Amino acid sequence: AVDADYVAQMPENLSFAQAAAVPLSGLTIMQILQM
């Protein structure tokens, strides 16, 4: 069970396996560069 505010639609070009590799790393680099 996850708050909807933390969820996004999967990228259309990725499989489930590829998509699972992204969230933590993607958010980390985005937040670093914003900082």
PDB file of all heavy atoms in Angstrom:
ATOM      1  N   ALA A   1       0.861  -1.183   0.000  1.00  0.00           N
ATOM      2  CA  ALA A   1       0.000   0.000   0.000  1.00  0.00           C
ATOM      3  C   ALA A   1       0.894   1.229   0.000  1.00  0.00           C
ATOM      4  O   ALA A   1       1.763   1.373   0.865  1.00  0.00           O
ATOM      5  CB  ALA A   1      -0.909   0.003   1.219  1.00  0.00           C
ATOM      6  N   VAL A   2       0.708   2.116  -0.984  1.00  0.00           N
ATOM      7  CA  VAL A   2       1.568   3.296  -1.137  1.00  0.00           C
ATOM      8  C   VAL A   2       0.699   4.515  -1.370  1.00  0.00           C
ATOM      9  O   VAL A   2      -0.274   4.468  -2.133  1.00  0.00           O
ATOM     10  CB  VAL A   2       2.539   3.132  -2.325  1.00  0.00           C
ATOM     11  CG1 VAL A   2       3.493   4.324  -2.390  1.00  0.00           C
ATOM     12  CG2 VAL A   2       3.320   1.837  -2.236  1.00  0.00           C
ATOM     13  N   ASP A   3       1.053   5.637  -0.724  1.00  0.00           N
ATOM     14  CA  ASP A   3       0.365   6.894  -0.995  1.00  0.00           C
ATOM     15  C   ASP A   3       0.480   7.223  -2.482  1.00  0.00           C
ATOM     16  O   ASP A   3       1.576   7.146  -3.063  1.00  0.00           O
ATOM     17  CB  ASP A   3       0.987   8.028  -0.187  1.00  0.00           C
ATOM     18  CG  ASP A   3       0.676   7.925   1.301  1.00  0.00           C
ATOM     19  OD1 ASP A   3       0.053   6.928   1.710  1.00  0.00           O
ATOM     20  OD2 ASP A   3       1.068   8.847   2.042  1.00  0.00           O
ATOM     21  N   ALA A   4      -0.607   7.600  -3.101  1.00  0.00           N
ATOM     22  CA  ALA A   4      -0.612   7.879  -4.539  1.00  0.00           C
ATOM     23  C   ALA A   4       0.358   8.994  -4.909  1.00  0.00           C
ATOM     24  O   ALA A   4       0.872   9.026  -6.038  1.00  0.00           O
ATOM     25  CB  ALA A   4      -2.025   8.229  -4.987  1.00  0.00           C
ATOM     26  N   ASP A   5       0.638   9.907  -3.980  1.00  0.00           N
ATOM     27  CA  ASP A   5       1.556  11.016  -4.253  1.00  0.00           C
ATOM     28  C   ASP A   5       2.983  10.556  -4.514  1.00  0.00           C
ATOM     29  O   ASP A   5       3.806  11.334  -5.018  1.00  0.00           O
ATOM     30  CB  ASP A   5       1.567  12.006  -3.089  1.00  0.00           C
ATOM     31  CG  ASP A   5       0.295  12.831  -3.006  1.00  0.00           C
ATOM     32  OD1 ASP A   5      -0.458  12.857  -4.002  1.00  0.00           O
ATOM     33  OD2 ASP A   5       0.055  13.449  -1.951  1.00  0.00           O
ATOM     34  N   TYR A   6       3.307   9.299  -4.159  1.00  0.00           N
ATOM     35  CA  TYR A   6       4.655   8.788  -4.351  1.00  0.00           C
ATOM     36  C   TYR A   6       4.779   7.917  -5.602  1.00  0.00           C
ATOM     37  O   TYR A   6       5.853   7.374  -5.874  1.00  0.00           O
ATOM     38  CB  TYR A   6       5.083   7.957  -3.129  1.00  0.00           C
ATOM     39  CG  TYR A   6       5.035   8.701  -1.821  1.00  0.00           C
ATOM     40  CD1 TYR A   6       4.570   8.086  -0.665  1.00  0.00           C
ATOM     41  CD2 TYR A   6       5.457  10.029  -1.732  1.00  0.00           C
ATOM     42  CE1 TYR A   6       4.529   8.764   0.541  1.00  0.00           C
ATOM     43  CE2 TYR A   6       5.415  10.717  -0.525  1.00  0.00           C
ATOM     44  CZ  TYR A   6       4.943  10.070   0.614  1.00  0.00           C
ATOM     45  OH  TYR A   6       4.904  10.751   1.806  1.00  0.00           O
ATOM     46  N   VAL A   7       3.714   7.777  -6.362  1.00  0.00           N
ATOM     47  CA  VAL A   7       3.655   6.806  -7.454  1.00  0.00           C
ATOM     48  C   VAL A   7       3.603   7.530  -8.801  1.00  0.00           C
ATOM     49  O   VAL A   7       3.064   8.629  -8.908  1.00  0.00           O
ATOM     50  CB  VAL A   7       2.419   5.891  -7.295  1.00  0.00           C
ATOM     51  CG1 VAL A   7       2.361   4.843  -8.402  1.00  0.00           C
ATOM     52  CG2 VAL A   7       2.437   5.212  -5.920  1.00  0.00           C
ATOM     53  N   ALA A   8       4.160   6.890  -9.830  1.00  0.00           N
ATOM     54  CA  ALA A   8       4.073   7.415 -11.196  1.00  0.00           C
ATOM     55  C   ALA A   8       3.799   6.268 -12.157  1.00  0.00           C
ATOM     56  O   ALA A   8       4.106   5.104 -11.863  1.00  0.00           O
ATOM     57  CB  ALA A   8       5.369   8.126 -11.591  1.00  0.00           C
ATOM     58  N   GLN A   9       3.210   6.609 -13.299  1.00  0.00           N
ATOM     59  CA  GLN A   9       3.021   5.623 -14.346  1.00  0.00           C
ATOM     60  C   GLN A   9       4.395   5.147 -14.839  1.00  0.00           C
ATOM     61  O   GLN A   9       5.323   5.933 -14.982  1.00  0.00           O
ATOM     62  CB  GLN A   9       2.243   6.215 -15.522  1.00  0.00           C
ATOM     63  CG  GLN A   9       0.864   6.767 -15.158  1.00  0.00           C
ATOM     64  CD  GLN A   9      -0.178   5.677 -14.962  1.00  0.00           C
ATOM     65  OE1 GLN A   9       0.059   4.504 -15.244  1.00  0.00           O
ATOM     66  NE2 GLN A   9      -1.358   6.073 -14.485  1.00  0.00           N
ATOM     67  N   MET A  10       4.524   3.859 -15.113  1.00  0.00           N
ATOM     68  CA  MET A  10       5.768   3.317 -15.623  1.00  0.00           C
ATOM     69  C   MET A  10       6.094   3.895 -16.990  1.00  0.00           C
ATOM     70  O   MET A  10       5.200   4.121 -17.795  1.00  0.00           O
ATOM     71  CB  MET A  10       5.663   1.794 -15.766  1.00  0.00           C
ATOM     72  CG  MET A  10       6.369   1.006 -14.702  1.00  0.00           C
ATOM     73  SD  MET A  10       6.080  -0.780 -14.877  1.00  0.00           S
ATOM     74  CE  MET A  10       6.520  -1.087 -16.586  1.00  0.00           C
ATOM     75  N   PRO A  11       7.366   4.148 -17.292  1.00  0.00           N
ATOM     76  CA  PRO A  11       7.742   4.544 -18.650  1.00  0.00           C
ATOM     77  C   PRO A  11       7.294   3.482 -19.659  1.00  0.00           C
ATOM     78  O   PRO A  11       7.460   2.279 -19.424  1.00  0.00           O
ATOM     79  CB  PRO A  11       9.270   4.625 -18.583  1.00  0.00           C
ATOM     80  CG  PRO A  11       9.564   4.895 -17.140  1.00  0.00           C
ATOM     81  CD  PRO A  11       8.522   4.139 -16.375  1.00  0.00           C
ATOM     82  N   GLU A  12       6.744   3.929 -20.770  1.00  0.00           N
ATOM     83  CA  GLU A  12       6.170   2.999 -21.728  1.00  0.00           C
ATOM     84  C   GLU A  12       7.206   2.105 -22.385  1.00  0.00           C
ATOM     85  O   GLU A  12       6.880   0.999 -22.837  1.00  0.00           O
ATOM     86  CB  GLU A  12       5.398   3.773 -22.803  1.00  0.00           C
ATOM     87  CG  GLU A  12       4.146   4.469 -22.262  1.00  0.00           C
ATOM     88  CD  GLU A  12       3.350   5.158 -23.354  1.00  0.00           C
ATOM     89  OE1 GLU A  12       3.808   5.141 -24.524  1.00  0.00           O
ATOM     90  OE2 GLU A  12       2.267   5.705 -23.046  1.00  0.00           O
ATOM     91  N   ASN A  13       8.459   2.548 -22.421  1.00  0.00           N
ATOM     92  CA  ASN A  13       9.490   1.776 -23.108  1.00  0.00           C
ATOM     93  C   ASN A  13      10.232   0.795 -22.207  1.00  0.00           C
ATOM     94  O   ASN A  13      11.166   0.130 -22.655  1.00  0.00           O
ATOM     95  CB  ASN A  13      10.512   2.709 -23.770  1.00  0.00           C
ATOM     96  CG  ASN A  13      11.225   3.595 -22.761  1.00  0.00           C
ATOM     97  OD1 ASN A  13      10.585   4.284 -21.964  1.00  0.00           O
ATOM     98  ND2 ASN A  13      12.545   3.606 -22.797  1.00  0.00           N
ATOM     99  N   LEU A  14       9.828   0.703 -20.933  1.00  0.00           N
ATOM    100  CA  LEU A  14      10.537  -0.171 -20.006  1.00  0.00           C
ATOM    101  C   LEU A  14       9.695  -1.372 -19.596  1.00  0.00           C
ATOM    102  O   LEU A  14       8.475  -1.278 -19.467  1.00  0.00           O
ATOM    103  CB  LEU A  14      10.949   0.591 -18.741  1.00  0.00           C
ATOM    104  CG  LEU A  14      11.903   1.773 -18.901  1.00  0.00           C
ATOM    105  CD1 LEU A  14      12.355   2.271 -17.533  1.00  0.00           C
ATOM    106  CD2 LEU A  14      13.105   1.422 -19.764  1.00  0.00           C
ATOM    107  N   SER A  15      10.375  -2.496 -19.349  1.00  0.00           N
ATOM    108  CA  SER A  15       9.740  -3.675 -18.770  1.00  0.00           C
ATOM    109  C   SER A  15       9.600  -3.470 -17.265  1.00  0.00           C
ATOM    110  O   SER A  15      10.136  -2.508 -16.695  1.00  0.00           O
ATOM    111  CB  SER A  15      10.602  -4.910 -19.041  1.00  0.00           C
ATOM    112  OG  SER A  15      11.845  -4.804 -18.350  1.00  0.00           O
ATOM    113  N   PHE A  16       8.902  -4.394 -16.595  1.00  0.00           N
ATOM    114  CA  PHE A  16       8.799  -4.298 -15.137  1.00  0.00           C
ATOM    115  C   PHE A  16      10.185  -4.339 -14.497  1.00  0.00           C
ATOM    116  O   PHE A  16      10.470  -3.598 -13.551  1.00  0.00           O
ATOM    117  CB  PHE A  16       7.940  -5.440 -14.578  1.00  0.00           C
ATOM    118  CG  PHE A  16       6.466  -5.240 -14.765  1.00  0.00           C
ATOM    119  CD1 PHE A  16       5.738  -6.103 -15.567  1.00  0.00           C
ATOM    120  CD2 PHE A  16       5.798  -4.204 -14.146  1.00  0.00           C
ATOM    121  CE1 PHE A  16       4.365  -5.935 -15.750  1.00  0.00           C
ATOM    122  CE2 PHE A  16       4.426  -4.015 -14.311  1.00  0.00           C
ATOM    123  CZ  PHE A  16       3.720  -4.889 -15.124  1.00  0.00           C
ATOM    124  N   ALA A  17      11.055  -5.204 -15.000  1.00  0.00           N
ATOM    125  CA  ALA A  17      12.400  -5.320 -14.436  1.00  0.00           C
ATOM    126  C   ALA A  17      13.174  -4.017 -14.622  1.00  0.00           C
ATOM    127  O   ALA A  17      13.799  -3.508 -13.677  1.00  0.00           O
ATOM    128  CB  ALA A  17      13.144  -6.482 -15.086  1.00  0.00           C
ATOM    129  N   GLN A  18      13.138  -3.466 -15.804  1.00  0.00           N
ATOM    130  CA  GLN A  18      13.859  -2.217 -16.053  1.00  0.00           C
ATOM    131  C   GLN A  18      13.294  -1.069 -15.224  1.00  0.00           C
ATOM    132  O   GLN A  18      14.045  -0.255 -14.675  1.00  0.00           O
ATOM    133  CB  GLN A  18      13.794  -1.879 -17.540  1.00  0.00           C
ATOM    134  CG  GLN A  18      14.585  -2.828 -18.427  1.00  0.00           C
ATOM    135  CD  GLN A  18      14.294  -2.593 -19.895  1.00  0.00           C
ATOM    136  OE1 GLN A  18      13.154  -2.324 -20.292  1.00  0.00           O
ATOM    137  NE2 GLN A  18      15.323  -2.697 -20.728  1.00  0.00           N
ATOM    138  N   ALA A  19      11.979  -1.014 -15.104  1.00  0.00           N
ATOM    139  CA  ALA A  19      11.357   0.078 -14.349  1.00  0.00           C
ATOM    140  C   ALA A  19      11.714   0.013 -12.871  1.00  0.00           C
ATOM    141  O   ALA A  19      11.900   1.049 -12.218  1.00  0.00           O
ATOM    142  CB  ALA A  19       9.844   0.042 -14.528  1.00  0.00           C
ATOM    143  N   ALA A  20      11.826  -1.184 -12.319  1.00  0.00           N
ATOM    144  CA  ALA A  20      12.159  -1.328 -10.902  1.00  0.00           C
ATOM    145  C   ALA A  20      13.569  -0.858 -10.591  1.00  0.00           C
ATOM    146  O   ALA A  20      13.905  -0.599  -9.432  1.00  0.00           O
ATOM    147  CB  ALA A  20      11.998  -2.793 -10.477  1.00  0.00           C
ATOM    148  N   ALA A  21      14.409  -0.728 -11.618  1.00  0.00           N
ATOM    149  CA  ALA A  21      15.780  -0.283 -11.432  1.00  0.00           C
ATOM    150  C   ALA A  21      15.907   1.223 -11.312  1.00  0.00           C
ATOM    151  O   ALA A  21      16.997   1.734 -11.039  1.00  0.00           O
ATOM    152  CB  ALA A  21      16.639  -0.778 -12.602  1.00  0.00           C
ATOM    153  N   VAL A  22      14.820   1.956 -11.489  1.00  0.00           N
ATOM    154  CA  VAL A  22      14.907   3.401 -11.688  1.00  0.00           C
ATOM    155  C   VAL A  22      14.566   4.271 -10.484  1.00  0.00           C
ATOM    156  O   VAL A  22      15.275   5.256 -10.215  1.00  0.00           O
ATOM    157  CB  VAL A  22      14.020   3.820 -12.883  1.00  0.00           C
ATOM    158  CG1 VAL A  22      13.909   5.335 -12.996  1.00  0.00           C
ATOM    159  CG2 VAL A  22      14.545   3.212 -14.172  1.00  0.00           C
ATOM    160  N   PRO A  23      13.489   4.033  -9.717  1.00  0.00           N
ATOM    161  CA  PRO A  23      12.966   5.076  -8.820  1.00  0.00           C
ATOM    162  C   PRO A  23      13.959   5.678  -7.833  1.00  0.00           C
ATOM    163  O   PRO A  23      14.104   6.905  -7.776  1.00  0.00           O
ATOM    164  CB  PRO A  23      11.815   4.362  -8.091  1.00  0.00           C
ATOM    165  CG  PRO A  23      11.356   3.333  -9.065  1.00  0.00           C
ATOM    166  CD  PRO A  23      12.606   2.841  -9.736  1.00  0.00           C
ATOM    167  N   LEU A  24      14.637   4.864  -7.041  1.00  0.00           N
ATOM    168  CA  LEU A  24      15.525   5.418  -6.026  1.00  0.00           C
ATOM    169  C   LEU A  24      16.679   6.182  -6.666  1.00  0.00           C
ATOM    170  O   LEU A  24      16.998   7.300  -6.263  1.00  0.00           O
ATOM    171  CB  LEU A  24      16.048   4.309  -5.114  1.00  0.00           C
ATOM    172  CG  LEU A  24      16.822   4.768  -3.877  1.00  0.00           C
ATOM    173  CD1 LEU A  24      16.579   3.815  -2.715  1.00  0.00           C
ATOM    174  CD2 LEU A  24      18.317   4.848  -4.146  1.00  0.00           C
ATOM    175  N   SER A  25      17.294   5.602  -7.685  1.00  0.00           N
ATOM    176  CA  SER A  25      18.426   6.259  -8.339  1.00  0.00           C
ATOM    177  C   SER A  25      17.983   7.513  -9.078  1.00  0.00           C
ATOM    178  O   SER A  25      18.664   8.551  -9.034  1.00  0.00           O
ATOM    179  CB  SER A  25      19.097   5.287  -9.319  1.00  0.00           C
ATOM    180  OG  SER A  25      19.601   4.157  -8.650  1.00  0.00           O
ATOM    181  N   GLY A  26      16.854   7.429  -9.769  1.00  0.00           N
ATOM    182  CA  GLY A  26      16.356   8.582 -10.510  1.00  0.00           C
ATOM    183  C   GLY A  26      16.036   9.748  -9.601  1.00  0.00           C
ATOM    184  O   GLY A  26      16.381  10.905  -9.893  1.00  0.00           O
ATOM    185  N   LEU A  27      15.368   9.475  -8.489  1.00  0.00           N
ATOM    186  CA  LEU A  27      15.035  10.545  -7.546  1.00  0.00           C
ATOM    187  C   LEU A  27      16.287  11.100  -6.880  1.00  0.00           C
ATOM    188  O   LEU A  27      16.390  12.310  -6.629  1.00  0.00           O
ATOM    189  CB  LEU A  27      14.060  10.027  -6.483  1.00  0.00           C
ATOM    190  CG  LEU A  27      12.649   9.735  -6.970  1.00  0.00           C
ATOM    191  CD1 LEU A  27      11.828   9.067  -5.866  1.00  0.00           C
ATOM    192  CD2 LEU A  27      11.943  11.006  -7.444  1.00  0.00           C
ATOM    193  N   THR A  28      17.249  10.240  -6.602  1.00  0.00           N
ATOM    194  CA  THR A  28      18.478  10.697  -5.950  1.00  0.00           C
ATOM    195  C   THR A  28      19.241  11.677  -6.822  1.00  0.00           C
ATOM    196  O   THR A  28      19.625  12.765  -6.372  1.00  0.00           O
ATOM    197  CB  THR A  28      19.377   9.496  -5.606  1.00  0.00           C
ATOM    198  OG1 THR A  28      18.689   8.627  -4.695  1.00  0.00           O
ATOM    199  CG2 THR A  28      20.671   9.966  -4.941  1.00  0.00           C
ATOM    200  N   ILE A  29      19.486  11.324  -8.073  1.00  0.00           N
ATOM    201  CA  ILE A  29      20.258  12.226  -8.930  1.00  0.00           C
ATOM    202  C   ILE A  29      19.470  13.503  -9.211  1.00  0.00           C
ATOM    203  O   ILE A  29      20.047  14.596  -9.272  1.00  0.00           O
ATOM    204  CB  ILE A  29      20.692  11.529 -10.243  1.00  0.00           C
ATOM    205  CG1 ILE A  29      21.633  12.435 -11.036  1.00  0.00           C
ATOM    206  CG2 ILE A  29      19.501  11.120 -11.084  1.00  0.00           C
ATOM    207  CD1 ILE A  29      22.918  12.790 -10.321  1.00  0.00           C
ATOM    208  N   MET A  30      18.159  13.399  -9.342  1.00  0.00           N
ATOM    209  CA  MET A  30      17.360  14.604  -9.579  1.00  0.00           C
ATOM    210  C   MET A  30      17.444  15.549  -8.379  1.00  0.00           C
ATOM    211  O   MET A  30      17.636  16.765  -8.531  1.00  0.00           O
ATOM    212  CB  MET A  30      15.903  14.236  -9.858  1.00  0.00           C
ATOM    213  CG  MET A  30      15.005  15.446 -10.052  1.00  0.00           C
ATOM    214  SD  MET A  30      13.335  15.025 -10.573  1.00  0.00           S
ATOM    215  CE  MET A  30      13.648  14.622 -12.291  1.00  0.00           C
ATOM    216  N   GLN A  31      17.356  15.014  -7.166  1.00  0.00           N
ATOM    217  CA  GLN A  31      17.401  15.852  -5.976  1.00  0.00           C
ATOM    218  C   GLN A  31      18.788  16.428  -5.734  1.00  0.00           C
ATOM    219  O   GLN A  31      18.934  17.558  -5.240  1.00  0.00           O
ATOM    220  CB  GLN A  31      16.889  15.057  -4.769  1.00  0.00           C
ATOM    221  CG  GLN A  31      15.396  14.795  -4.857  1.00  0.00           C
ATOM    222  CD  GLN A  31      14.859  13.840  -3.807  1.00  0.00           C
ATOM    223  OE1 GLN A  31      15.484  13.618  -2.766  1.00  0.00           O
ATOM    224  NE2 GLN A  31      13.689  13.256  -4.063  1.00  0.00           N
ATOM    225  N   ILE A  32      19.823  15.680  -6.115  1.00  0.00           N
ATOM    226  CA  ILE A  32      21.180  16.223  -6.005  1.00  0.00           C
ATOM    227  C   ILE A  32      21.359  17.411  -6.945  1.00  0.00           C
ATOM    228  O   ILE A  32      21.861  18.472  -6.553  1.00  0.00           O
ATOM    229  CB  ILE A  32      22.225  15.131  -6.320  1.00  0.00           C
ATOM    230  CG1 ILE A  32      22.307  14.122  -5.170  1.00  0.00           C
ATOM    231  CG2 ILE A  32      23.604  15.763  -6.553  1.00  0.00           C
ATOM    232  CD1 ILE A  32      23.197  12.942  -5.458  1.00  0.00           C
ATOM    233  N   LEU A  33      20.952  17.241  -8.188  1.00  0.00           N
ATOM    234  CA  LEU A  33      21.150  18.312  -9.163  1.00  0.00           C
ATOM    235  C   LEU A  33      20.287  19.525  -8.845  1.00  0.00           C
ATOM    236  O   LEU A  33      20.695  20.669  -9.088  1.00  0.00           O
ATOM    237  CB  LEU A  33      20.864  17.801 -10.573  1.00  0.00           C
ATOM    238  CG  LEU A  33      21.796  16.694 -11.087  1.00  0.00           C
ATOM    239  CD1 LEU A  33      21.531  16.409 -12.557  1.00  0.00           C
ATOM    240  CD2 LEU A  33      23.268  17.034 -10.862  1.00  0.00           C
ATOM    241  N   GLN A  34      19.108  19.309  -8.279  1.00  0.00           N
ATOM    242  CA  GLN A  34      18.292  20.446  -7.854  1.00  0.00           C
ATOM    243  C   GLN A  34      18.948  21.187  -6.689  1.00  0.00           C
ATOM    244  O   GLN A  34      18.798  22.404  -6.551  1.00  0.00           O
ATOM    245  CB  GLN A  34      16.890  19.974  -7.461  1.00  0.00           C
ATOM    246  CG  GLN A  34      16.017  19.580  -8.643  1.00  0.00           C
ATOM    247  CD  GLN A  34      14.600  19.239  -8.240  1.00  0.00           C
ATOM    248  OE1 GLN A  34      14.305  19.028  -7.063  1.00  0.00           O
ATOM    249  NE2 GLN A  34      13.705  19.166  -9.208  1.00  0.00           N
ATOM    250  N   MET A  35      19.693  20.457  -5.868  1.00  0.00           N
ATOM    251  CA  MET A  35      20.350  21.068  -4.717  1.00  0.00           C
ATOM    252  C   MET A  35      21.577  21.882  -5.137  1.00  0.00           C
ATOM    253  O   MET A  35      21.785  23.009  -4.667  1.00  0.00           O
ATOM    254  CB  MET A  35      20.758  19.982  -3.720  1.00  0.00           C
ATOM    255  CG  MET A  35      21.418  20.503  -2.469  1.00  0.00           C
ATOM    256  SD  MET A  35      21.564  19.239  -1.188  1.00  0.00           S
ATOM    257  CE  MET A  35      22.647  18.061  -1.989  1.00  0.00           C
TER     258      MET A  35
END
